[in-house]
PDB file of N, CA and C in Angstrom:
ATOM      1  N   MET A   1     -41.787 103.884  60.418  1.00  0.00           N
ATOM      2  CA  MET A   1     -41.668 102.787  61.375  1.00  0.00           C
ATOM      3  C   MET A   1     -42.668 103.028  62.508  1.00  0.00           C
ATOM      4  N   THR A   2     -43.383 102.016  62.891  1.00  0.00           N
ATOM      5  CA  THR A   2     -44.373 102.162  63.944  1.00  0.00           C
ATOM      6  C   THR A   2     -43.703 102.101  65.311  1.00  0.00           C
ATOM      7  N   TYR A   3     -44.417 102.595  66.282  1.00  0.00           N
ATOM      8  CA  TYR A   3     -43.908 102.641  67.650  1.00  0.00           C
ATOM      9  C   TYR A   3     -43.542 101.244  68.182  1.00  0.00           C
ATOM     10  N   PRO A   4     -44.348 100.210  67.955  1.00  0.00           N
ATOM     11  CA  PRO A   4     -43.957  98.869  68.424  1.00  0.00           C
ATOM     12  C   PRO A   4     -42.650  98.368  67.805  1.00  0.00           C
ATOM     13  N   LEU A   5     -42.416  98.664  66.535  1.00  0.00           N
ATOM     14  CA  LEU A   5     -41.160  98.237  65.907  1.00  0.00           C
ATOM     15  C   LEU A   5     -39.959  98.943  66.528  1.00  0.00           C
ATOM     16  N   LEU A   6     -40.115 100.223  66.827  1.00  0.00           N
ATOM     17  CA  LEU A   6     -39.053 100.947  67.519  1.00  0.00           C
ATOM     18  C   LEU A   6     -38.807 100.355  68.899  1.00  0.00           C
ATOM     19  N   ALA A   7     -39.878 100.033  69.588  1.00  0.00           N
ATOM     20  CA  ALA A   7     -39.753  99.461  70.928  1.00  0.00           C
ATOM     21  C   ALA A   7     -39.040  98.112  70.881  1.00  0.00           C
ATOM     22  N   ILE A   8     -39.345  97.295  69.895  1.00  0.00           N
ATOM     23  CA  ILE A   8     -38.675  95.995  69.753  1.00  0.00           C
ATOM     24  C   ILE A   8     -37.195  96.195  69.459  1.00  0.00           C
ATOM     25  N   ALA A   9     -36.887  97.140  68.593  1.00  0.00           N
ATOM     26  CA  ALA A   9     -35.477  97.424  68.283  1.00  0.00           C
ATOM     27  C   ALA A   9     -34.735  97.866  69.532  1.00  0.00           C
ATOM     28  N   VAL A  10     -35.384  98.698  70.333  1.00  0.00           N
ATOM     29  CA  VAL A  10     -34.767  99.186  71.563  1.00  0.00           C
ATOM     30  C   VAL A  10     -34.560  98.043  72.559  1.00  0.00           C
ATOM     31  N   LEU A  11     -35.413  97.050  72.542  1.00  0.00           N
ATOM     32  CA  LEU A  11     -35.231  95.886  73.420  1.00  0.00           C
ATOM     33  C   LEU A  11     -34.118  94.972  72.915  1.00  0.00           C
ATOM     34  N   ILE A  12     -33.988  94.858  71.616  1.00  0.00           N
ATOM     35  CA  ILE A  12     -33.001  93.940  71.029  1.00  0.00           C
ATOM     36  C   ILE A  12     -31.573  94.474  71.153  1.00  0.00           C
ATOM     37  N   ILE A  13     -31.399  95.781  71.045  1.00  0.00           N
ATOM     38  CA  ILE A  13     -30.051  96.363  71.064  1.00  0.00           C
ATOM     39  C   ILE A  13     -29.263  95.973  72.314  1.00  0.00           C
ATOM     40  N   PRO A  14     -29.797  96.127  73.532  1.00  0.00           N
ATOM     41  CA  PRO A  14     -29.020  95.719  74.701  1.00  0.00           C
ATOM     42  C   PRO A  14     -28.729  94.212  74.734  1.00  0.00           C
ATOM     43  N   VAL A  15     -29.680  93.415  74.284  1.00  0.00           N
ATOM     44  CA  VAL A  15     -29.475  91.963  74.264  1.00  0.00           C
ATOM     45  C   VAL A  15     -28.324  91.609  73.326  1.00  0.00           C
ATOM     46  N   LEU A  16     -28.312  92.209  72.144  1.00  0.00           N
ATOM     47  CA  LEU A  16     -27.222  91.949  71.195  1.00  0.00           C
ATOM     48  C   LEU A  16     -25.884  92.471  71.711  1.00  0.00           C
ATOM     49  N   LEU A  17     -25.903  93.656  72.296  1.00  0.00           N
ATOM     50  CA  LEU A  17     -24.665  94.195  72.865  1.00  0.00           C
ATOM     51  C   LEU A  17     -24.098  93.267  73.936  1.00  0.00           C
ATOM     52  N   ASP A  18     -24.969  92.822  74.814  1.00  0.00           N
ATOM     53  CA  ASP A  18     -24.525  91.924  75.884  1.00  0.00           C
ATOM     54  C   ASP A  18     -23.974  90.625  75.309  1.00  0.00           C
ATOM     55  N   PHE A  19     -24.620  90.104  74.302  1.00  0.00           N
ATOM     56  CA  PHE A  19     -24.181  88.853  73.683  1.00  0.00           C
ATOM     57  C   PHE A  19     -22.810  89.010  73.019  1.00  0.00           C
ATOM     58  N   PHE A  20     -22.660  90.039  72.197  1.00  0.00           N
ATOM     59  CA  PHE A  20     -21.418  90.200  71.448  1.00  0.00           C
ATOM     60  C   PHE A  20     -20.259  90.719  72.302  1.00  0.00           C
ATOM     61  N   LEU A  21     -20.563  91.527  73.308  1.00  0.00           N
ATOM     62  CA  LEU A  21     -19.496  92.040  74.170  1.00  0.00           C
ATOM     63  C   LEU A  21     -19.211  91.117  75.351  1.00  0.00           C
ATOM     64  N   LYS A  22     -20.058  90.076  75.510  1.00  0.00           N
ATOM     65  CA  LYS A  22     -19.889  89.057  76.553  1.00  0.00           C
ATOM     66  C   LYS A  22     -19.776  89.662  77.961  1.00  0.00           C
ATOM     67  N   THR A  23     -20.674  90.583  78.264  1.00  0.00           N
ATOM     68  CA  THR A  23     -20.644  91.230  79.577  1.00  0.00           C
ATOM     69  C   THR A  23     -21.481  90.509  80.631  1.00  0.00           C
ATOM     70  N   GLN A  24     -22.462  89.755  80.213  1.00  0.00           N
ATOM     71  CA  GLN A  24     -23.338  88.973  81.096  1.00  0.00           C
ATOM     72  C   GLN A  24     -24.037  89.822  82.165  1.00  0.00           C
ATOM     73  N   VAL A  25     -24.413  91.041  81.804  1.00  0.00           N
ATOM     74  CA  VAL A  25     -25.058  91.921  82.780  1.00  0.00           C
ATOM     75  C   VAL A  25     -26.484  91.486  83.126  1.00  0.00           C
ATOM     76  N   PHE A  26     -27.082  90.667  82.283  1.00  0.00           N
ATOM     77  CA  PHE A  26     -28.452  90.228  82.574  1.00  0.00           C
ATOM     78  C   PHE A  26     -28.500  89.183  83.689  1.00  0.00           C
ATOM     79  N   SER A  27     -27.363  88.667  84.079  1.00  0.00           N
ATOM     80  CA  SER A  27     -27.333  87.687  85.165  1.00  0.00           C
ATOM     81  C   SER A  27     -27.061  88.337  86.523  1.00  0.00           C
ATOM     82  N   VAL A  28     -26.955  89.655  86.561  1.00  0.00           N
ATOM     83  CA  VAL A  28     -26.668  90.369  87.812  1.00  0.00           C
ATOM     84  C   VAL A  28     -27.973  90.892  88.413  1.00  0.00           C
ATOM     85  N   ARG A  29     -28.265  90.448  89.600  1.00  0.00           N
ATOM     86  CA  ARG A  29     -29.523  90.797  90.278  1.00  0.00           C
ATOM     87  C   ARG A  29     -29.684  92.309  90.472  1.00  0.00           C
ATOM     88  N   GLN A  30     -28.605  93.002  90.809  1.00  0.00           N
ATOM     89  CA  GLN A  30     -28.681  94.443  91.055  1.00  0.00           C
ATOM     90  C   GLN A  30     -29.132  95.207  89.805  1.00  0.00           C
ATOM     91  N   ASN A  31     -28.759  94.718  88.648  1.00  0.00           N
ATOM     92  CA  ASN A  31     -29.181  95.378  87.417  1.00  0.00           C
ATOM     93  C   ASN A  31     -30.692  95.277  87.233  1.00  0.00           C
ATOM     94  N   TRP A  32     -31.245  94.132  87.574  1.00  0.00           N
ATOM     95  CA  TRP A  32     -32.698  93.956  87.469  1.00  0.00           C
ATOM     96  C   TRP A  32     -33.427  94.786  88.531  1.00  0.00           C
ATOM     97  N   LEU A  33     -32.831  94.919  89.710  1.00  0.00           N
ATOM     98  CA  LEU A  33     -33.411  95.768  90.739  1.00  0.00           C
ATOM     99  C   LEU A  33     -33.426  97.223  90.275  1.00  0.00           C
ATOM    100  N   THR A  34     -32.334  97.659  89.666  1.00  0.00           N
ATOM    101  CA  THR A  34     -32.267  99.010  89.101  1.00  0.00           C
ATOM    102  C   THR A  34     -33.367  99.205  88.064  1.00  0.00           C
ATOM    103  N   LEU A  35     -33.547  98.215  87.192  1.00  0.00           N
ATOM    104  CA  LEU A  35     -34.603  98.299  86.188  1.00  0.00           C
ATOM    105  C   LEU A  35     -35.968  98.438  86.851  1.00  0.00           C
ATOM    106  N   CYS A  36     -36.237  97.641  87.858  1.00  0.00           N
ATOM    107  CA  CYS A  36     -37.542  97.694  88.534  1.00  0.00           C
ATOM    108  C   CYS A  36     -37.796  99.066  89.146  1.00  0.00           C
ATOM    109  N   ILE A  37     -36.783  99.629  89.791  1.00  0.00           N
ATOM    110  CA  ILE A  37     -36.930 100.956  90.399  1.00  0.00           C
ATOM    111  C   ILE A  37     -37.228 101.997  89.331  1.00  0.00           C
ATOM    112  N   LEU A  38     -36.489 101.954  88.228  1.00  0.00           N
ATOM    113  CA  LEU A  38     -36.706 102.937  87.163  1.00  0.00           C
ATOM    114  C   LEU A  38     -38.017 102.716  86.424  1.00  0.00           C
ATOM    115  N   LEU A  39     -38.493 101.478  86.371  1.00  0.00           N
ATOM    116  CA  LEU A  39     -39.808 101.233  85.772  1.00  0.00           C
ATOM    117  C   LEU A  39     -40.915 101.876  86.602  1.00  0.00           C
ATOM    118  N   VAL A  40     -40.743 101.882  87.918  1.00  0.00           N
ATOM    119  CA  VAL A  40     -41.717 102.553  88.787  1.00  0.00           C
ATOM    120  C   VAL A  40     -41.729 104.050  88.485  1.00  0.00           C
ATOM    121  N   PHE A  41     -40.540 104.645  88.368  1.00  0.00           N
ATOM    122  CA  PHE A  41     -40.471 106.066  88.028  1.00  0.00           C
ATOM    123  C   PHE A  41     -41.059 106.340  86.639  1.00  0.00           C
ATOM    124  N   THR A  42     -40.787 105.455  85.700  1.00  0.00           N
ATOM    125  CA  THR A  42     -41.365 105.590  84.363  1.00  0.00           C
ATOM    126  C   THR A  42     -42.883 105.576  84.455  1.00  0.00           C
ATOM    127  N   LEU A  43     -43.411 104.656  85.225  1.00  0.00           N
ATOM    128  CA  LEU A  43     -44.857 104.547  85.401  1.00  0.00           C
ATOM    129  C   LEU A  43     -45.433 105.837  85.981  1.00  0.00           C
ATOM    130  N   VAL A  44     -44.819 106.334  87.035  1.00  0.00           N
ATOM    131  CA  VAL A  44     -45.326 107.538  87.697  1.00  0.00           C
ATOM    132  C   VAL A  44     -45.312 108.736  86.746  1.00  0.00           C
ATOM    133  N   PHE A  45     -44.175 108.973  86.116  1.00  0.00           N
ATOM    134  CA  PHE A  45     -44.073 110.156  85.260  1.00  0.00           C
ATOM    135  C   PHE A  45     -44.872 110.019  83.967  1.00  0.00           C
ATOM    136  N   ASP A  46     -44.949 108.814  83.424  1.00  0.00           N
ATOM    137  CA  ASP A  46     -45.757 108.624  82.216  1.00  0.00           C
ATOM    138  C   ASP A  46     -47.246 108.780  82.506  1.00  0.00           C
ATOM    139  N   VAL A  47     -47.688 108.380  83.686  1.00  0.00           N
ATOM    140  CA  VAL A  47     -49.089 108.591  84.059  1.00  0.00           C
ATOM    141  C   VAL A  47     -49.390 110.084  84.068  1.00  0.00           C
ATOM    142  N   ILE A  48     -48.460 110.867  84.602  1.00  0.00           N
ATOM    143  CA  ILE A  48     -48.652 112.319  84.632  1.00  0.00           C
ATOM    144  C   ILE A  48     -48.646 112.877  83.204  1.00  0.00           C
ATOM    145  N   LEU A  49     -47.649 112.478  82.420  1.00  0.00           N
ATOM    146  CA  LEU A  49     -47.506 113.027  81.070  1.00  0.00           C
ATOM    147  C   LEU A  49     -48.644 112.639  80.141  1.00  0.00           C
ATOM    148  N   THR A  50     -49.100 111.401  80.239  1.00  0.00           N
ATOM    149  CA  THR A  50     -50.190 110.957  79.359  1.00  0.00           C
ATOM    150  C   THR A  50     -51.561 111.296  79.934  1.00  0.00           C
ATOM    151  N   GLY A  51     -51.649 111.436  81.226  1.00  0.00           N
ATOM    152  CA  GLY A  51     -52.935 111.719  81.852  1.00  0.00           C
ATOM    153  C   GLY A  51     -53.362 113.168  81.732  1.00  0.00           C
ATOM    154  N   LEU A  52     -52.413 114.098  81.634  1.00  0.00           N
ATOM    155  CA  LEU A  52     -52.765 115.525  81.625  1.00  0.00           C
ATOM    156  C   LEU A  52     -53.406 116.049  80.344  1.00  0.00           C
ATOM    157  N   PRO A  53     -53.268 115.755  79.210  1.00  0.00           N
ATOM    158  CA  PRO A  53     -52.283 115.015  78.419  1.00  0.00           C
ATOM    159  C   PRO A  53     -51.207 115.954  77.844  1.00  0.00           C
ATOM    160  N   ILE A  54     -50.026 115.857  78.390  1.00  0.00           N
ATOM    161  CA  ILE A  54     -48.878 116.592  77.853  1.00  0.00           C
ATOM    162  C   ILE A  54     -48.337 115.836  76.648  1.00  0.00           C
ATOM    163  N   VAL A  55     -48.357 114.512  76.740  1.00  0.00           N
ATOM    164  CA  VAL A  55     -47.899 113.646  75.654  1.00  0.00           C
ATOM    165  C   VAL A  55     -49.095 112.855  75.139  1.00  0.00           C
ATOM    166  N   THR A  56     -49.256 112.832  73.826  1.00  0.00           N
ATOM    167  CA  THR A  56     -50.311 112.015  73.220  1.00  0.00           C
ATOM    168  C   THR A  56     -49.674 111.111  72.166  1.00  0.00           C
ATOM    169  N   TYR A  57     -50.382 110.063  71.801  1.00  0.00           N
ATOM    170  CA  TYR A  57     -49.867 109.080  70.847  1.00  0.00           C
ATOM    171  C   TYR A  57     -50.860 108.890  69.721  1.00  0.00           C
ATOM    172  N   ASN A  58     -50.345 108.540  68.570  1.00  0.00           N
ATOM    173  CA  ASN A  58     -51.187 108.137  67.455  1.00  0.00           C
ATOM    174  C   ASN A  58     -51.604 106.692  67.741  1.00  0.00           C
ATOM    175  N   VAL A  59     -52.832 106.505  68.134  1.00  0.00           N
ATOM    176  CA  VAL A  59     -53.324 105.195  68.570  1.00  0.00           C
ATOM    177  C   VAL A  59     -53.144 104.126  67.499  1.00  0.00           C
ATOM    178  N   SER A  60     -53.224 104.505  66.246  1.00  0.00           N
ATOM    179  CA  SER A  60     -53.073 103.512  65.175  1.00  0.00           C
ATOM    180  C   SER A  60     -51.635 102.995  65.063  1.00  0.00           C
ATOM    181  N   SER A  61     -50.679 103.660  65.717  1.00  0.00           N
ATOM    182  CA  SER A  61     -49.277 103.234  65.670  1.00  0.00           C
ATOM    183  C   SER A  61     -48.872 102.417  66.886  1.00  0.00           C
ATOM    184  N   LEU A  62     -49.812 102.090  67.746  1.00  0.00           N
ATOM    185  CA  LEU A  62     -49.516 101.366  68.986  1.00  0.00           C
ATOM    186  C   LEU A  62     -50.078  99.952  68.954  1.00  0.00           C
ATOM    187  N   LEU A  63     -49.564  99.106  69.840  1.00  0.00           N
ATOM    188  CA  LEU A  63     -50.094  97.746  69.961  1.00  0.00           C
ATOM    189  C   LEU A  63     -51.498  97.746  70.556  1.00  0.00           C
ATOM    190  N   GLY A  64     -51.802  98.740  71.372  1.00  0.00           N
ATOM    191  CA  GLY A  64     -53.107  98.804  72.023  1.00  0.00           C
ATOM    192  C   GLY A  64     -53.100  98.206  73.412  1.00  0.00           C
ATOM    193  N   VAL A  65     -51.919  97.851  73.922  1.00  0.00           N
ATOM    194  CA  VAL A  65     -51.787  97.330  75.279  1.00  0.00           C
ATOM    195  C   VAL A  65     -51.315  98.478  76.163  1.00  0.00           C
ATOM    196  N   TYR A  66     -52.070  98.751  77.219  1.00  0.00           N
ATOM    197  CA  TYR A  66     -51.774  99.886  78.086  1.00  0.00           C
ATOM    198  C   TYR A  66     -51.666  99.443  79.532  1.00  0.00           C
ATOM    199  N   ILE A  67     -50.846 100.155  80.261  1.00  0.00           N
ATOM    200  CA  ILE A  67     -50.835 100.076  81.721  1.00  0.00           C
ATOM    201  C   ILE A  67     -51.313 101.451  82.167  1.00  0.00           C
ATOM    202  N   GLY A  68     -52.552 101.518  82.602  1.00  0.00           N
ATOM    203  CA  GLY A  68     -53.172 102.815  82.841  1.00  0.00           C
ATOM    204  C   GLY A  68     -53.334 103.513  81.508  1.00  0.00           C
ATOM    205  N   SER A  69     -52.749 104.702  81.414  1.00  0.00           N
ATOM    206  CA  SER A  69     -52.820 105.453  80.160  1.00  0.00           C
ATOM    207  C   SER A  69     -51.524 105.345  79.362  1.00  0.00           C
ATOM    208  N   ILE A  70     -50.640 104.452  79.782  1.00  0.00           N
ATOM    209  CA  ILE A  70     -49.300 104.341  79.190  1.00  0.00           C
ATOM    210  C   ILE A  70     -49.227 103.169  78.223  1.00  0.00           C
ATOM    211  N   PRO A  71     -48.832 103.426  76.984  1.00  0.00           N
ATOM    212  CA  PRO A  71     -48.637 102.313  76.047  1.00  0.00           C
ATOM    213  C   PRO A  71     -47.476 101.428  76.526  1.00  0.00           C
ATOM    214  N   ILE A  72     -47.643 100.148  76.402  1.00  0.00           N
ATOM    215  CA  ILE A  72     -46.641  99.189  76.868  1.00  0.00           C
ATOM    216  C   ILE A  72     -45.273  99.455  76.221  1.00  0.00           C
ATOM    217  N   GLU A  73     -45.283 100.001  75.036  1.00  0.00           N
ATOM    218  CA  GLU A  73     -44.035 100.272  74.319  1.00  0.00           C
ATOM    219  C   GLU A  73     -43.129 101.245  75.071  1.00  0.00           C
ATOM    220  N   ASP A  74     -43.715 102.142  75.870  1.00  0.00           N
ATOM    221  CA  ASP A  74     -42.911 103.118  76.598  1.00  0.00           C
ATOM    222  C   ASP A  74     -41.899 102.465  77.542  1.00  0.00           C
ATOM    223  N   PHE A  75     -42.221 101.301  78.032  1.00  0.00           N
ATOM    224  CA  PHE A  75     -41.346 100.665  79.015  1.00  0.00           C
ATOM    225  C   PHE A  75     -40.080 100.083  78.391  1.00  0.00           C
ATOM    226  N   SER A  76     -40.078  99.875  77.098  1.00  0.00           N
ATOM    227  CA  SER A  76     -38.879  99.341  76.445  1.00  0.00           C
ATOM    228  C   SER A  76     -37.718 100.322  76.533  1.00  0.00           C
ATOM    229  N   TYR A  77     -38.013 101.596  76.514  1.00  0.00           N
ATOM    230  CA  TYR A  77     -36.956 102.599  76.569  1.00  0.00           C
ATOM    231  C   TYR A  77     -36.269 102.606  77.927  1.00  0.00           C
ATOM    232  N   THR A  78     -37.009 102.333  78.976  1.00  0.00           N
ATOM    233  CA  THR A  78     -36.408 102.230  80.307  1.00  0.00           C
ATOM    234  C   THR A  78     -35.463 101.041  80.358  1.00  0.00           C
ATOM    235  N   PHE A  79     -35.859  99.934  79.748  1.00  0.00           N
ATOM    236  CA  PHE A  79     -35.006  98.744  79.681  1.00  0.00           C
ATOM    237  C   PHE A  79     -33.671  99.087  79.022  1.00  0.00           C
ATOM    238  N   ALA A  80     -33.731  99.763  77.893  1.00  0.00           N
ATOM    239  CA  ALA A  80     -32.504 100.137  77.177  1.00  0.00           C
ATOM    240  C   ALA A  80     -31.695 101.157  77.972  1.00  0.00           C
ATOM    241  N   MET A  81     -32.383 102.103  78.589  1.00  0.00           N
ATOM    242  CA  MET A  81     -31.713 103.147  79.356  1.00  0.00           C
ATOM    243  C   MET A  81     -30.930 102.561  80.527  1.00  0.00           C
ATOM    244  N   VAL A  82     -31.434 101.494  81.113  1.00  0.00           N
ATOM    245  CA  VAL A  82     -30.746 100.845  82.224  1.00  0.00           C
ATOM    246  C   VAL A  82     -29.595  99.981  81.716  1.00  0.00           C
ATOM    247  N   PHE A  83     -29.874  99.129  80.739  1.00  0.00           N
ATOM    248  CA  PHE A  83     -28.891  98.109  80.389  1.00  0.00           C
ATOM    249  C   PHE A  83     -27.778  98.557  79.439  1.00  0.00           C
ATOM    250  N   ILE A  84     -28.035  99.445  78.516  1.00  0.00           N
ATOM    251  CA  ILE A  84     -26.965  99.847  77.590  1.00  0.00           C
ATOM    252  C   ILE A  84     -25.784 100.490  78.326  1.00  0.00           C
ATOM    253  N   PRO A  85     -25.995 101.460  79.216  1.00  0.00           N
ATOM    254  CA  PRO A  85     -24.835 102.015  79.929  1.00  0.00           C
ATOM    255  C   PRO A  85     -24.114 100.982  80.799  1.00  0.00           C
ATOM    256  N   ILE A  86     -24.864 100.089  81.430  1.00  0.00           N
ATOM    257  CA  ILE A  86     -24.243  99.061  82.263  1.00  0.00           C
ATOM    258  C   ILE A  86     -23.400  98.122  81.401  1.00  0.00           C
ATOM    259  N   ILE A  87     -23.917  97.742  80.256  1.00  0.00           N
ATOM    260  CA  ILE A  87     -23.173  96.868  79.337  1.00  0.00           C
ATOM    261  C   ILE A  87     -21.879  97.543  78.892  1.00  0.00           C
ATOM    262  N   LEU A  88     -21.981  98.793  78.473  1.00  0.00           N
ATOM    263  CA  LEU A  88     -20.793  99.499  77.989  1.00  0.00           C
ATOM    264  C   LEU A  88     -19.777  99.719  79.109  1.00  0.00           C
ATOM    265  N   MET A  89     -20.259 100.102  80.277  1.00  0.00           N
ATOM    266  CA  MET A  89     -19.355 100.305  81.415  1.00  0.00           C
ATOM    267  C   MET A  89     -18.663  98.995  81.793  1.00  0.00           C
ATOM    268  N   THR A  90     -19.405  97.915  81.835  1.00  0.00           N
ATOM    269  CA  THR A  90     -18.844  96.599  82.168  1.00  0.00           C
ATOM    270  C   THR A  90     -17.825  96.180  81.131  1.00  0.00           C
ATOM    271  N   PHE A  91     -18.137  96.385  79.873  1.00  0.00           N
ATOM    272  CA  PHE A  91     -17.229  96.018  78.794  1.00  0.00           C
ATOM    273  C   PHE A  91     -15.895  96.768  78.920  1.00  0.00           C
ATOM    274  N   TYR A  92     -15.970  98.068  79.135  1.00  0.00           N
ATOM    275  CA  TYR A  92     -14.744  98.861  79.216  1.00  0.00           C
ATOM    276  C   TYR A  92     -13.968  98.589  80.504  1.00  0.00           C
ATOM    277  N   GLU A  93     -14.652  98.217  81.564  1.00  0.00           N
ATOM    278  CA  GLU A  93     -13.957  97.835  82.810  1.00  0.00           C
ATOM    279  C   GLU A  93     -13.238  96.511  82.665  1.00  0.00           C
ATOM    280  N   GLN A  94     -13.764  95.609  81.832  1.00  0.00           N
ATOM    281  CA  GLN A  94     -13.160  94.298  81.627  1.00  0.00           C
ATOM    282  C   GLN A  94     -11.946  94.347  80.710  1.00  0.00           C
ATOM    283  N   ARG A  95     -11.773  95.417  79.991  1.00  0.00           N
ATOM    284  CA  ARG A  95     -10.669  95.522  79.035  1.00  0.00           C
ATOM    285  C   ARG A  95      -9.368  95.806  79.710  1.00  0.00           C
TER     286      ARG A  95
END
């Protein structure tokens, strides 16, 4: 499986969870603010990791879209990292 396909799967999982668990976390402004803050941290640390280069990628497995030295696919994991725990926590609080 290529890196873009993994990134798409990681983006779809929180959307499906939110839909089926009916948590509606994507309509909460604070959740998007949290995502933005963590995307900044992702950007900073990924620039260090890819710039040194501590982390390297197989270029043929990427879309070829970069922000600095960071493949765009890296940001999908931050999206999932923010929203999956919020979805699950919201779901269990609503029960």
